[in-house]
Amino acid sequence: AECRVWAVEDTSAGGQRRERVFAS
């Protein structure tokens, strides 16, 4: 299998560290 993370968005809010990750 091939895996690739192709986009990452920092969605941090209210002092919480958050991410939205797009991978294929």
PDBML (XML) file of the C-alpha atoms, coordinates in Angstrom:
<?xml version="1.0" encoding="UTF-8" ?>
<PDBx:datablock datablockName="MODEL"
   xmlns:PDBx="http://pdbml.pdb.org/schema/pdbx-v50.xsd"
   xmlns:xsi="http://www.w3.org/2001/XMLSchema-instance"
   xsi:schemaLocation="http://pdbml.pdb.org/schema/pdbx-v50.xsd pdbx-v50.xsd">
   <PDBx:atom_siteCategory>
      <PDBx:atom_site id="1">
         <PDBx:B_iso_or_equiv>0.00</PDBx:B_iso_or_equiv>
         <PDBx:Cartn_x>0.000</PDBx:Cartn_x>
         <PDBx:Cartn_y>0.000</PDBx:Cartn_y>
         <PDBx:Cartn_z>0.000</PDBx:Cartn_z>
         <PDBx:auth_asym_id>A</PDBx:auth_asym_id>
         <PDBx:auth_atom_id>CA</PDBx:auth_atom_id>
         <PDBx:auth_comp_id>ALA</PDBx:auth_comp_id>
         <PDBx:auth_seq_id>1</PDBx:auth_seq_id>
         <PDBx:group_PDB>ATOM</PDBx:group_PDB>
         <PDBx:label_alt_id xsi:nil="true" />
         <PDBx:label_asym_id>A</PDBx:label_asym_id>
         <PDBx:label_atom_id>CA</PDBx:label_atom_id>
         <PDBx:label_comp_id>ALA</PDBx:label_comp_id>
         <PDBx:label_entity_id>1</PDBx:label_entity_id>
         <PDBx:label_seq_id>1</PDBx:label_seq_id>
         <PDBx:occupancy>1.00</PDBx:occupancy>
         <PDBx:pdbx_PDB_model_num>1</PDBx:pdbx_PDB_model_num>
         <PDBx:type_symbol>C</PDBx:type_symbol>
      </PDBx:atom_site>
      <PDBx:atom_site id="2">
         <PDBx:B_iso_or_equiv>0.00</PDBx:B_iso_or_equiv>
         <PDBx:Cartn_x>1.035</PDBx:Cartn_x>
         <PDBx:Cartn_y>3.575</PDBx:Cartn_y>
         <PDBx:Cartn_z>-0.472</PDBx:Cartn_z>
         <PDBx:auth_asym_id>A</PDBx:auth_asym_id>
         <PDBx:auth_atom_id>CA</PDBx:auth_atom_id>
         <PDBx:auth_comp_id>GLU</PDBx:auth_comp_id>
         <PDBx:auth_seq_id>2</PDBx:auth_seq_id>
         <PDBx:group_PDB>ATOM</PDBx:group_PDB>
         <PDBx:label_alt_id xsi:nil="true" />
         <PDBx:label_asym_id>A</PDBx:label_asym_id>
         <PDBx:label_atom_id>CA</PDBx:label_atom_id>
         <PDBx:label_comp_id>GLU</PDBx:label_comp_id>
         <PDBx:label_entity_id>1</PDBx:label_entity_id>
         <PDBx:label_seq_id>2</PDBx:label_seq_id>
         <PDBx:occupancy>1.00</PDBx:occupancy>
         <PDBx:pdbx_PDB_model_num>1</PDBx:pdbx_PDB_model_num>
         <PDBx:type_symbol>C</PDBx:type_symbol>
      </PDBx:atom_site>
      <PDBx:atom_site id="3">
         <PDBx:B_iso_or_equiv>0.00</PDBx:B_iso_or_equiv>
         <PDBx:Cartn_x>0.035</PDBx:Cartn_x>
         <PDBx:Cartn_y>6.209</PDBx:Cartn_y>
         <PDBx:Cartn_z>2.052</PDBx:Cartn_z>
         <PDBx:auth_asym_id>A</PDBx:auth_asym_id>
         <PDBx:auth_atom_id>CA</PDBx:auth_atom_id>
         <PDBx:auth_comp_id>CYS</PDBx:auth_comp_id>
         <PDBx:auth_seq_id>3</PDBx:auth_seq_id>
         <PDBx:group_PDB>ATOM</PDBx:group_PDB>
         <PDBx:label_alt_id xsi:nil="true" />
         <PDBx:label_asym_id>A</PDBx:label_asym_id>
         <PDBx:label_atom_id>CA</PDBx:label_atom_id>
         <PDBx:label_comp_id>CYS</PDBx:label_comp_id>
         <PDBx:label_entity_id>1</PDBx:label_entity_id>
         <PDBx:label_seq_id>3</PDBx:label_seq_id>
         <PDBx:occupancy>1.00</PDBx:occupancy>
         <PDBx:pdbx_PDB_model_num>1</PDBx:pdbx_PDB_model_num>
         <PDBx:type_symbol>C</PDBx:type_symbol>
      </PDBx:atom_site>
      <PDBx:atom_site id="4">
         <PDBx:B_iso_or_equiv>0.00</PDBx:B_iso_or_equiv>
         <PDBx:Cartn_x>0.523</PDBx:Cartn_x>
         <PDBx:Cartn_y>9.942</PDBx:Cartn_y>
         <PDBx:Cartn_z>1.627</PDBx:Cartn_z>
         <PDBx:auth_asym_id>A</PDBx:auth_asym_id>
         <PDBx:auth_atom_id>CA</PDBx:auth_atom_id>
         <PDBx:auth_comp_id>ARG</PDBx:auth_comp_id>
         <PDBx:auth_seq_id>4</PDBx:auth_seq_id>
         <PDBx:group_PDB>ATOM</PDBx:group_PDB>
         <PDBx:label_alt_id xsi:nil="true" />
         <PDBx:label_asym_id>A</PDBx:label_asym_id>
         <PDBx:label_atom_id>CA</PDBx:label_atom_id>
         <PDBx:label_comp_id>ARG</PDBx:label_comp_id>
         <PDBx:label_entity_id>1</PDBx:label_entity_id>
         <PDBx:label_seq_id>4</PDBx:label_seq_id>
         <PDBx:occupancy>1.00</PDBx:occupancy>
         <PDBx:pdbx_PDB_model_num>1</PDBx:pdbx_PDB_model_num>
         <PDBx:type_symbol>C</PDBx:type_symbol>
      </PDBx:atom_site>
      <PDBx:atom_site id="5">
         <PDBx:B_iso_or_equiv>0.00</PDBx:B_iso_or_equiv>
         <PDBx:Cartn_x>-0.434</PDBx:Cartn_x>
         <PDBx:Cartn_y>12.895</PDBx:Cartn_y>
         <PDBx:Cartn_z>3.826</PDBx:Cartn_z>
         <PDBx:auth_asym_id>A</PDBx:auth_asym_id>
         <PDBx:auth_atom_id>CA</PDBx:auth_atom_id>
         <PDBx:auth_comp_id>VAL</PDBx:auth_comp_id>
         <PDBx:auth_seq_id>5</PDBx:auth_seq_id>
         <PDBx:group_PDB>ATOM</PDBx:group_PDB>
         <PDBx:label_alt_id xsi:nil="true" />
         <PDBx:label_asym_id>A</PDBx:label_asym_id>
         <PDBx:label_atom_id>CA</PDBx:label_atom_id>
         <PDBx:label_comp_id>VAL</PDBx:label_comp_id>
         <PDBx:label_entity_id>1</PDBx:label_entity_id>
         <PDBx:label_seq_id>5</PDBx:label_seq_id>
         <PDBx:occupancy>1.00</PDBx:occupancy>
         <PDBx:pdbx_PDB_model_num>1</PDBx:pdbx_PDB_model_num>
         <PDBx:type_symbol>C</PDBx:type_symbol>
      </PDBx:atom_site>
      <PDBx:atom_site id="6">
         <PDBx:B_iso_or_equiv>0.00</PDBx:B_iso_or_equiv>
         <PDBx:Cartn_x>-1.166</PDBx:Cartn_x>
         <PDBx:Cartn_y>15.654</PDBx:Cartn_y>
         <PDBx:Cartn_z>1.321</PDBx:Cartn_z>
         <PDBx:auth_asym_id>A</PDBx:auth_asym_id>
         <PDBx:auth_atom_id>CA</PDBx:auth_atom_id>
         <PDBx:auth_comp_id>TRP</PDBx:auth_comp_id>
         <PDBx:auth_seq_id>6</PDBx:auth_seq_id>
         <PDBx:group_PDB>ATOM</PDBx:group_PDB>
         <PDBx:label_alt_id xsi:nil="true" />
         <PDBx:label_asym_id>A</PDBx:label_asym_id>
         <PDBx:label_atom_id>CA</PDBx:label_atom_id>
         <PDBx:label_comp_id>TRP</PDBx:label_comp_id>
         <PDBx:label_entity_id>1</PDBx:label_entity_id>
         <PDBx:label_seq_id>6</PDBx:label_seq_id>
         <PDBx:occupancy>1.00</PDBx:occupancy>
         <PDBx:pdbx_PDB_model_num>1</PDBx:pdbx_PDB_model_num>
         <PDBx:type_symbol>C</PDBx:type_symbol>
      </PDBx:atom_site>
      <PDBx:atom_site id="7">
         <PDBx:B_iso_or_equiv>0.00</PDBx:B_iso_or_equiv>
         <PDBx:Cartn_x>-2.675</PDBx:Cartn_x>
         <PDBx:Cartn_y>18.481</PDBx:Cartn_y>
         <PDBx:Cartn_z>3.385</PDBx:Cartn_z>
         <PDBx:auth_asym_id>A</PDBx:auth_asym_id>
         <PDBx:auth_atom_id>CA</PDBx:auth_atom_id>
         <PDBx:auth_comp_id>ALA</PDBx:auth_comp_id>
         <PDBx:auth_seq_id>7</PDBx:auth_seq_id>
         <PDBx:group_PDB>ATOM</PDBx:group_PDB>
         <PDBx:label_alt_id xsi:nil="true" />
         <PDBx:label_asym_id>A</PDBx:label_asym_id>
         <PDBx:label_atom_id>CA</PDBx:label_atom_id>
         <PDBx:label_comp_id>ALA</PDBx:label_comp_id>
         <PDBx:label_entity_id>1</PDBx:label_entity_id>
         <PDBx:label_seq_id>7</PDBx:label_seq_id>
         <PDBx:occupancy>1.00</PDBx:occupancy>
         <PDBx:pdbx_PDB_model_num>1</PDBx:pdbx_PDB_model_num>
         <PDBx:type_symbol>C</PDBx:type_symbol>
      </PDBx:atom_site>
      <PDBx:atom_site id="8">
         <PDBx:B_iso_or_equiv>0.00</PDBx:B_iso_or_equiv>
         <PDBx:Cartn_x>-2.711</PDBx:Cartn_x>
         <PDBx:Cartn_y>19.562</PDBx:Cartn_y>
         <PDBx:Cartn_z>7.032</PDBx:Cartn_z>
         <PDBx:auth_asym_id>A</PDBx:auth_asym_id>
         <PDBx:auth_atom_id>CA</PDBx:auth_atom_id>
         <PDBx:auth_comp_id>VAL</PDBx:auth_comp_id>
         <PDBx:auth_seq_id>8</PDBx:auth_seq_id>
         <PDBx:group_PDB>ATOM</PDBx:group_PDB>
         <PDBx:label_alt_id xsi:nil="true" />
         <PDBx:label_asym_id>A</PDBx:label_asym_id>
         <PDBx:label_atom_id>CA</PDBx:label_atom_id>
         <PDBx:label_comp_id>VAL</PDBx:label_comp_id>
         <PDBx:label_entity_id>1</PDBx:label_entity_id>
         <PDBx:label_seq_id>8</PDBx:label_seq_id>
         <PDBx:occupancy>1.00</PDBx:occupancy>
         <PDBx:pdbx_PDB_model_num>1</PDBx:pdbx_PDB_model_num>
         <PDBx:type_symbol>C</PDBx:type_symbol>
      </PDBx:atom_site>
      <PDBx:atom_site id="9">
         <PDBx:B_iso_or_equiv>0.00</PDBx:B_iso_or_equiv>
         <PDBx:Cartn_x>-4.808</PDBx:Cartn_x>
         <PDBx:Cartn_y>22.358</PDBx:Cartn_y>
         <PDBx:Cartn_z>8.522</PDBx:Cartn_z>
         <PDBx:auth_asym_id>A</PDBx:auth_asym_id>
         <PDBx:auth_atom_id>CA</PDBx:auth_atom_id>
         <PDBx:auth_comp_id>GLU</PDBx:auth_comp_id>
         <PDBx:auth_seq_id>9</PDBx:auth_seq_id>
         <PDBx:group_PDB>ATOM</PDBx:group_PDB>
         <PDBx:label_alt_id xsi:nil="true" />
         <PDBx:label_asym_id>A</PDBx:label_asym_id>
         <PDBx:label_atom_id>CA</PDBx:label_atom_id>
         <PDBx:label_comp_id>GLU</PDBx:label_comp_id>
         <PDBx:label_entity_id>1</PDBx:label_entity_id>
         <PDBx:label_seq_id>9</PDBx:label_seq_id>
         <PDBx:occupancy>1.00</PDBx:occupancy>
         <PDBx:pdbx_PDB_model_num>1</PDBx:pdbx_PDB_model_num>
         <PDBx:type_symbol>C</PDBx:type_symbol>
      </PDBx:atom_site>
      <PDBx:atom_site id="10">
         <PDBx:B_iso_or_equiv>0.00</PDBx:B_iso_or_equiv>
         <PDBx:Cartn_x>-4.284</PDBx:Cartn_x>
         <PDBx:Cartn_y>23.782</PDBx:Cartn_y>
         <PDBx:Cartn_z>11.991</PDBx:Cartn_z>
         <PDBx:auth_asym_id>A</PDBx:auth_asym_id>
         <PDBx:auth_atom_id>CA</PDBx:auth_atom_id>
         <PDBx:auth_comp_id>ASP</PDBx:auth_comp_id>
         <PDBx:auth_seq_id>10</PDBx:auth_seq_id>
         <PDBx:group_PDB>ATOM</PDBx:group_PDB>
         <PDBx:label_alt_id xsi:nil="true" />
         <PDBx:label_asym_id>A</PDBx:label_asym_id>
         <PDBx:label_atom_id>CA</PDBx:label_atom_id>
         <PDBx:label_comp_id>ASP</PDBx:label_comp_id>
         <PDBx:label_entity_id>1</PDBx:label_entity_id>
         <PDBx:label_seq_id>10</PDBx:label_seq_id>
         <PDBx:occupancy>1.00</PDBx:occupancy>
         <PDBx:pdbx_PDB_model_num>1</PDBx:pdbx_PDB_model_num>
         <PDBx:type_symbol>C</PDBx:type_symbol>
      </PDBx:atom_site>
      <PDBx:atom_site id="11">
         <PDBx:B_iso_or_equiv>0.00</PDBx:B_iso_or_equiv>
         <PDBx:Cartn_x>-7.764</PDBx:Cartn_x>
         <PDBx:Cartn_y>24.052</PDBx:Cartn_y>
         <PDBx:Cartn_z>13.524</PDBx:Cartn_z>
         <PDBx:auth_asym_id>A</PDBx:auth_asym_id>
         <PDBx:auth_atom_id>CA</PDBx:auth_atom_id>
         <PDBx:auth_comp_id>THR</PDBx:auth_comp_id>
         <PDBx:auth_seq_id>11</PDBx:auth_seq_id>
         <PDBx:group_PDB>ATOM</PDBx:group_PDB>
         <PDBx:label_alt_id xsi:nil="true" />
         <PDBx:label_asym_id>A</PDBx:label_asym_id>
         <PDBx:label_atom_id>CA</PDBx:label_atom_id>
         <PDBx:label_comp_id>THR</PDBx:label_comp_id>
         <PDBx:label_entity_id>1</PDBx:label_entity_id>
         <PDBx:label_seq_id>11</PDBx:label_seq_id>
         <PDBx:occupancy>1.00</PDBx:occupancy>
         <PDBx:pdbx_PDB_model_num>1</PDBx:pdbx_PDB_model_num>
         <PDBx:type_symbol>C</PDBx:type_symbol>
      </PDBx:atom_site>
      <PDBx:atom_site id="12">
         <PDBx:B_iso_or_equiv>0.00</PDBx:B_iso_or_equiv>
         <PDBx:Cartn_x>-6.636</PDBx:Cartn_x>
         <PDBx:Cartn_y>24.887</PDBx:Cartn_y>
         <PDBx:Cartn_z>17.061</PDBx:Cartn_z>
         <PDBx:auth_asym_id>A</PDBx:auth_asym_id>
         <PDBx:auth_atom_id>CA</PDBx:auth_atom_id>
         <PDBx:auth_comp_id>SER</PDBx:auth_comp_id>
         <PDBx:auth_seq_id>12</PDBx:auth_seq_id>
         <PDBx:group_PDB>ATOM</PDBx:group_PDB>
         <PDBx:label_alt_id xsi:nil="true" />
         <PDBx:label_asym_id>A</PDBx:label_asym_id>
         <PDBx:label_atom_id>CA</PDBx:label_atom_id>
         <PDBx:label_comp_id>SER</PDBx:label_comp_id>
         <PDBx:label_entity_id>1</PDBx:label_entity_id>
         <PDBx:label_seq_id>12</PDBx:label_seq_id>
         <PDBx:occupancy>1.00</PDBx:occupancy>
         <PDBx:pdbx_PDB_model_num>1</PDBx:pdbx_PDB_model_num>
         <PDBx:type_symbol>C</PDBx:type_symbol>
      </PDBx:atom_site>
      <PDBx:atom_site id="13">
         <PDBx:B_iso_or_equiv>0.00</PDBx:B_iso_or_equiv>
         <PDBx:Cartn_x>-9.213</PDBx:Cartn_x>
         <PDBx:Cartn_y>26.730</PDBx:Cartn_y>
         <PDBx:Cartn_z>19.159</PDBx:Cartn_z>
         <PDBx:auth_asym_id>A</PDBx:auth_asym_id>
         <PDBx:auth_atom_id>CA</PDBx:auth_atom_id>
         <PDBx:auth_comp_id>ALA</PDBx:auth_comp_id>
         <PDBx:auth_seq_id>13</PDBx:auth_seq_id>
         <PDBx:group_PDB>ATOM</PDBx:group_PDB>
         <PDBx:label_alt_id xsi:nil="true" />
         <PDBx:label_asym_id>A</PDBx:label_asym_id>
         <PDBx:label_atom_id>CA</PDBx:label_atom_id>
         <PDBx:label_comp_id>ALA</PDBx:label_comp_id>
         <PDBx:label_entity_id>1</PDBx:label_entity_id>
         <PDBx:label_seq_id>13</PDBx:label_seq_id>
         <PDBx:occupancy>1.00</PDBx:occupancy>
         <PDBx:pdbx_PDB_model_num>1</PDBx:pdbx_PDB_model_num>
         <PDBx:type_symbol>C</PDBx:type_symbol>
      </PDBx:atom_site>
      <PDBx:atom_site id="14">
         <PDBx:B_iso_or_equiv>0.00</PDBx:B_iso_or_equiv>
         <PDBx:Cartn_x>-9.874</PDBx:Cartn_x>
         <PDBx:Cartn_y>27.610</PDBx:Cartn_y>
         <PDBx:Cartn_z>22.771</PDBx:Cartn_z>
         <PDBx:auth_asym_id>A</PDBx:auth_asym_id>
         <PDBx:auth_atom_id>CA</PDBx:auth_atom_id>
         <PDBx:auth_comp_id>GLY</PDBx:auth_comp_id>
         <PDBx:auth_seq_id>14</PDBx:auth_seq_id>
         <PDBx:group_PDB>ATOM</PDBx:group_PDB>
         <PDBx:label_alt_id xsi:nil="true" />
         <PDBx:label_asym_id>A</PDBx:label_asym_id>
         <PDBx:label_atom_id>CA</PDBx:label_atom_id>
         <PDBx:label_comp_id>GLY</PDBx:label_comp_id>
         <PDBx:label_entity_id>1</PDBx:label_entity_id>
         <PDBx:label_seq_id>14</PDBx:label_seq_id>
         <PDBx:occupancy>1.00</PDBx:occupancy>
         <PDBx:pdbx_PDB_model_num>1</PDBx:pdbx_PDB_model_num>
         <PDBx:type_symbol>C</PDBx:type_symbol>
      </PDBx:atom_site>
      <PDBx:atom_site id="15">
         <PDBx:B_iso_or_equiv>0.00</PDBx:B_iso_or_equiv>
         <PDBx:Cartn_x>-6.368</PDBx:Cartn_x>
         <PDBx:Cartn_y>26.667</PDBx:Cartn_y>
         <PDBx:Cartn_z>23.872</PDBx:Cartn_z>
         <PDBx:auth_asym_id>A</PDBx:auth_asym_id>
         <PDBx:auth_atom_id>CA</PDBx:auth_atom_id>
         <PDBx:auth_comp_id>GLY</PDBx:auth_comp_id>
         <PDBx:auth_seq_id>15</PDBx:auth_seq_id>
         <PDBx:group_PDB>ATOM</PDBx:group_PDB>
         <PDBx:label_alt_id xsi:nil="true" />
         <PDBx:label_asym_id>A</PDBx:label_asym_id>
         <PDBx:label_atom_id>CA</PDBx:label_atom_id>
         <PDBx:label_comp_id>GLY</PDBx:label_comp_id>
         <PDBx:label_entity_id>1</PDBx:label_entity_id>
         <PDBx:label_seq_id>15</PDBx:label_seq_id>
         <PDBx:occupancy>1.00</PDBx:occupancy>
         <PDBx:pdbx_PDB_model_num>1</PDBx:pdbx_PDB_model_num>
         <PDBx:type_symbol>C</PDBx:type_symbol>
      </PDBx:atom_site>
      <PDBx:atom_site id="16">
         <PDBx:B_iso_or_equiv>0.00</PDBx:B_iso_or_equiv>
         <PDBx:Cartn_x>-6.703</PDBx:Cartn_x>
         <PDBx:Cartn_y>23.173</PDBx:Cartn_y>
         <PDBx:Cartn_z>22.376</PDBx:Cartn_z>
         <PDBx:auth_asym_id>A</PDBx:auth_asym_id>
         <PDBx:auth_atom_id>CA</PDBx:auth_atom_id>
         <PDBx:auth_comp_id>GLN</PDBx:auth_comp_id>
         <PDBx:auth_seq_id>16</PDBx:auth_seq_id>
         <PDBx:group_PDB>ATOM</PDBx:group_PDB>
         <PDBx:label_alt_id xsi:nil="true" />
         <PDBx:label_asym_id>A</PDBx:label_asym_id>
         <PDBx:label_atom_id>CA</PDBx:label_atom_id>
         <PDBx:label_comp_id>GLN</PDBx:label_comp_id>
         <PDBx:label_entity_id>1</PDBx:label_entity_id>
         <PDBx:label_seq_id>16</PDBx:label_seq_id>
         <PDBx:occupancy>1.00</PDBx:occupancy>
         <PDBx:pdbx_PDB_model_num>1</PDBx:pdbx_PDB_model_num>
         <PDBx:type_symbol>C</PDBx:type_symbol>
      </PDBx:atom_site>
      <PDBx:atom_site id="17">
         <PDBx:B_iso_or_equiv>0.00</PDBx:B_iso_or_equiv>
         <PDBx:Cartn_x>-4.234</PDBx:Cartn_x>
         <PDBx:Cartn_y>21.937</PDBx:Cartn_y>
         <PDBx:Cartn_z>19.775</PDBx:Cartn_z>
         <PDBx:auth_asym_id>A</PDBx:auth_asym_id>
         <PDBx:auth_atom_id>CA</PDBx:auth_atom_id>
         <PDBx:auth_comp_id>ARG</PDBx:auth_comp_id>
         <PDBx:auth_seq_id>17</PDBx:auth_seq_id>
         <PDBx:group_PDB>ATOM</PDBx:group_PDB>
         <PDBx:label_alt_id xsi:nil="true" />
         <PDBx:label_asym_id>A</PDBx:label_asym_id>
         <PDBx:label_atom_id>CA</PDBx:label_atom_id>
         <PDBx:label_comp_id>ARG</PDBx:label_comp_id>
         <PDBx:label_entity_id>1</PDBx:label_entity_id>
         <PDBx:label_seq_id>17</PDBx:label_seq_id>
         <PDBx:occupancy>1.00</PDBx:occupancy>
         <PDBx:pdbx_PDB_model_num>1</PDBx:pdbx_PDB_model_num>
         <PDBx:type_symbol>C</PDBx:type_symbol>
      </PDBx:atom_site>
      <PDBx:atom_site id="18">
         <PDBx:B_iso_or_equiv>0.00</PDBx:B_iso_or_equiv>
         <PDBx:Cartn_x>-6.189</PDBx:Cartn_x>
         <PDBx:Cartn_y>20.505</PDBx:Cartn_y>
         <PDBx:Cartn_z>16.829</PDBx:Cartn_z>
         <PDBx:auth_asym_id>A</PDBx:auth_asym_id>
         <PDBx:auth_atom_id>CA</PDBx:auth_atom_id>
         <PDBx:auth_comp_id>ARG</PDBx:auth_comp_id>
         <PDBx:auth_seq_id>18</PDBx:auth_seq_id>
         <PDBx:group_PDB>ATOM</PDBx:group_PDB>
         <PDBx:label_alt_id xsi:nil="true" />
         <PDBx:label_asym_id>A</PDBx:label_asym_id>
         <PDBx:label_atom_id>CA</PDBx:label_atom_id>
         <PDBx:label_comp_id>ARG</PDBx:label_comp_id>
         <PDBx:label_entity_id>1</PDBx:label_entity_id>
         <PDBx:label_seq_id>18</PDBx:label_seq_id>
         <PDBx:occupancy>1.00</PDBx:occupancy>
         <PDBx:pdbx_PDB_model_num>1</PDBx:pdbx_PDB_model_num>
         <PDBx:type_symbol>C</PDBx:type_symbol>
      </PDBx:atom_site>
      <PDBx:atom_site id="19">
         <PDBx:B_iso_or_equiv>0.00</PDBx:B_iso_or_equiv>
         <PDBx:Cartn_x>-5.464</PDBx:Cartn_x>
         <PDBx:Cartn_y>19.424</PDBx:Cartn_y>
         <PDBx:Cartn_z>13.261</PDBx:Cartn_z>
         <PDBx:auth_asym_id>A</PDBx:auth_asym_id>
         <PDBx:auth_atom_id>CA</PDBx:auth_atom_id>
         <PDBx:auth_comp_id>GLU</PDBx:auth_comp_id>
         <PDBx:auth_seq_id>19</PDBx:auth_seq_id>
         <PDBx:group_PDB>ATOM</PDBx:group_PDB>
         <PDBx:label_alt_id xsi:nil="true" />
         <PDBx:label_asym_id>A</PDBx:label_asym_id>
         <PDBx:label_atom_id>CA</PDBx:label_atom_id>
         <PDBx:label_comp_id>GLU</PDBx:label_comp_id>
         <PDBx:label_entity_id>1</PDBx:label_entity_id>
         <PDBx:label_seq_id>19</PDBx:label_seq_id>
         <PDBx:occupancy>1.00</PDBx:occupancy>
         <PDBx:pdbx_PDB_model_num>1</PDBx:pdbx_PDB_model_num>
         <PDBx:type_symbol>C</PDBx:type_symbol>
      </PDBx:atom_site>
      <PDBx:atom_site id="20">
         <PDBx:B_iso_or_equiv>0.00</PDBx:B_iso_or_equiv>
         <PDBx:Cartn_x>-7.415</PDBx:Cartn_x>
         <PDBx:Cartn_y>18.388</PDBx:Cartn_y>
         <PDBx:Cartn_z>10.203</PDBx:Cartn_z>
         <PDBx:auth_asym_id>A</PDBx:auth_asym_id>
         <PDBx:auth_atom_id>CA</PDBx:auth_atom_id>
         <PDBx:auth_comp_id>ARG</PDBx:auth_comp_id>
         <PDBx:auth_seq_id>20</PDBx:auth_seq_id>
         <PDBx:group_PDB>ATOM</PDBx:group_PDB>
         <PDBx:label_alt_id xsi:nil="true" />
         <PDBx:label_asym_id>A</PDBx:label_asym_id>
         <PDBx:label_atom_id>CA</PDBx:label_atom_id>
         <PDBx:label_comp_id>ARG</PDBx:label_comp_id>
         <PDBx:label_entity_id>1</PDBx:label_entity_id>
         <PDBx:label_seq_id>20</PDBx:label_seq_id>
         <PDBx:occupancy>1.00</PDBx:occupancy>
         <PDBx:pdbx_PDB_model_num>1</PDBx:pdbx_PDB_model_num>
         <PDBx:type_symbol>C</PDBx:type_symbol>
      </PDBx:atom_site>
      <PDBx:atom_site id="21">
         <PDBx:B_iso_or_equiv>0.00</PDBx:B_iso_or_equiv>
         <PDBx:Cartn_x>-5.345</PDBx:Cartn_x>
         <PDBx:Cartn_y>15.988</PDBx:Cartn_y>
         <PDBx:Cartn_z>8.080</PDBx:Cartn_z>
         <PDBx:auth_asym_id>A</PDBx:auth_asym_id>
         <PDBx:auth_atom_id>CA</PDBx:auth_atom_id>
         <PDBx:auth_comp_id>VAL</PDBx:auth_comp_id>
         <PDBx:auth_seq_id>21</PDBx:auth_seq_id>
         <PDBx:group_PDB>ATOM</PDBx:group_PDB>
         <PDBx:label_alt_id xsi:nil="true" />
         <PDBx:label_asym_id>A</PDBx:label_asym_id>
         <PDBx:label_atom_id>CA</PDBx:label_atom_id>
         <PDBx:label_comp_id>VAL</PDBx:label_comp_id>
         <PDBx:label_entity_id>1</PDBx:label_entity_id>
         <PDBx:label_seq_id>21</PDBx:label_seq_id>
         <PDBx:occupancy>1.00</PDBx:occupancy>
         <PDBx:pdbx_PDB_model_num>1</PDBx:pdbx_PDB_model_num>
         <PDBx:type_symbol>C</PDBx:type_symbol>
      </PDBx:atom_site>
      <PDBx:atom_site id="22">
         <PDBx:B_iso_or_equiv>0.00</PDBx:B_iso_or_equiv>
         <PDBx:Cartn_x>-5.959</PDBx:Cartn_x>
         <PDBx:Cartn_y>14.786</PDBx:Cartn_y>
         <PDBx:Cartn_z>4.527</PDBx:Cartn_z>
         <PDBx:auth_asym_id>A</PDBx:auth_asym_id>
         <PDBx:auth_atom_id>CA</PDBx:auth_atom_id>
         <PDBx:auth_comp_id>PHE</PDBx:auth_comp_id>
         <PDBx:auth_seq_id>22</PDBx:auth_seq_id>
         <PDBx:group_PDB>ATOM</PDBx:group_PDB>
         <PDBx:label_alt_id xsi:nil="true" />
         <PDBx:label_asym_id>A</PDBx:label_asym_id>
         <PDBx:label_atom_id>CA</PDBx:label_atom_id>
         <PDBx:label_comp_id>PHE</PDBx:label_comp_id>
         <PDBx:label_entity_id>1</PDBx:label_entity_id>
         <PDBx:label_seq_id>22</PDBx:label_seq_id>
         <PDBx:occupancy>1.00</PDBx:occupancy>
         <PDBx:pdbx_PDB_model_num>1</PDBx:pdbx_PDB_model_num>
         <PDBx:type_symbol>C</PDBx:type_symbol>
      </PDBx:atom_site>
      <PDBx:atom_site id="23">
         <PDBx:B_iso_or_equiv>0.00</PDBx:B_iso_or_equiv>
         <PDBx:Cartn_x>-4.206</PDBx:Cartn_x>
         <PDBx:Cartn_y>11.608</PDBx:Cartn_y>
         <PDBx:Cartn_z>3.442</PDBx:Cartn_z>
         <PDBx:auth_asym_id>A</PDBx:auth_asym_id>
         <PDBx:auth_atom_id>CA</PDBx:auth_atom_id>
         <PDBx:auth_comp_id>ALA</PDBx:auth_comp_id>
         <PDBx:auth_seq_id>23</PDBx:auth_seq_id>
         <PDBx:group_PDB>ATOM</PDBx:group_PDB>
         <PDBx:label_alt_id xsi:nil="true" />
         <PDBx:label_asym_id>A</PDBx:label_asym_id>
         <PDBx:label_atom_id>CA</PDBx:label_atom_id>
         <PDBx:label_comp_id>ALA</PDBx:label_comp_id>
         <PDBx:label_entity_id>1</PDBx:label_entity_id>
         <PDBx:label_seq_id>23</PDBx:label_seq_id>
         <PDBx:occupancy>1.00</PDBx:occupancy>
         <PDBx:pdbx_PDB_model_num>1</PDBx:pdbx_PDB_model_num>
         <PDBx:type_symbol>C</PDBx:type_symbol>
      </PDBx:atom_site>
      <PDBx:atom_site id="24">
         <PDBx:B_iso_or_equiv>0.00</PDBx:B_iso_or_equiv>
         <PDBx:Cartn_x>-4.592</PDBx:Cartn_x>
         <PDBx:Cartn_y>9.117</PDBx:Cartn_y>
         <PDBx:Cartn_z>0.628</PDBx:Cartn_z>
         <PDBx:auth_asym_id>A</PDBx:auth_asym_id>
         <PDBx:auth_atom_id>CA</PDBx:auth_atom_id>
         <PDBx:auth_comp_id>SER</PDBx:auth_comp_id>
         <PDBx:auth_seq_id>24</PDBx:auth_seq_id>
         <PDBx:group_PDB>ATOM</PDBx:group_PDB>
         <PDBx:label_alt_id xsi:nil="true" />
         <PDBx:label_asym_id>A</PDBx:label_asym_id>
         <PDBx:label_atom_id>CA</PDBx:label_atom_id>
         <PDBx:label_comp_id>SER</PDBx:label_comp_id>
         <PDBx:label_entity_id>1</PDBx:label_entity_id>
         <PDBx:label_seq_id>24</PDBx:label_seq_id>
         <PDBx:occupancy>1.00</PDBx:occupancy>
         <PDBx:pdbx_PDB_model_num>1</PDBx:pdbx_PDB_model_num>
         <PDBx:type_symbol>C</PDBx:type_symbol>
      </PDBx:atom_site>
   </PDBx:atom_siteCategory>
</PDBx:datablock>
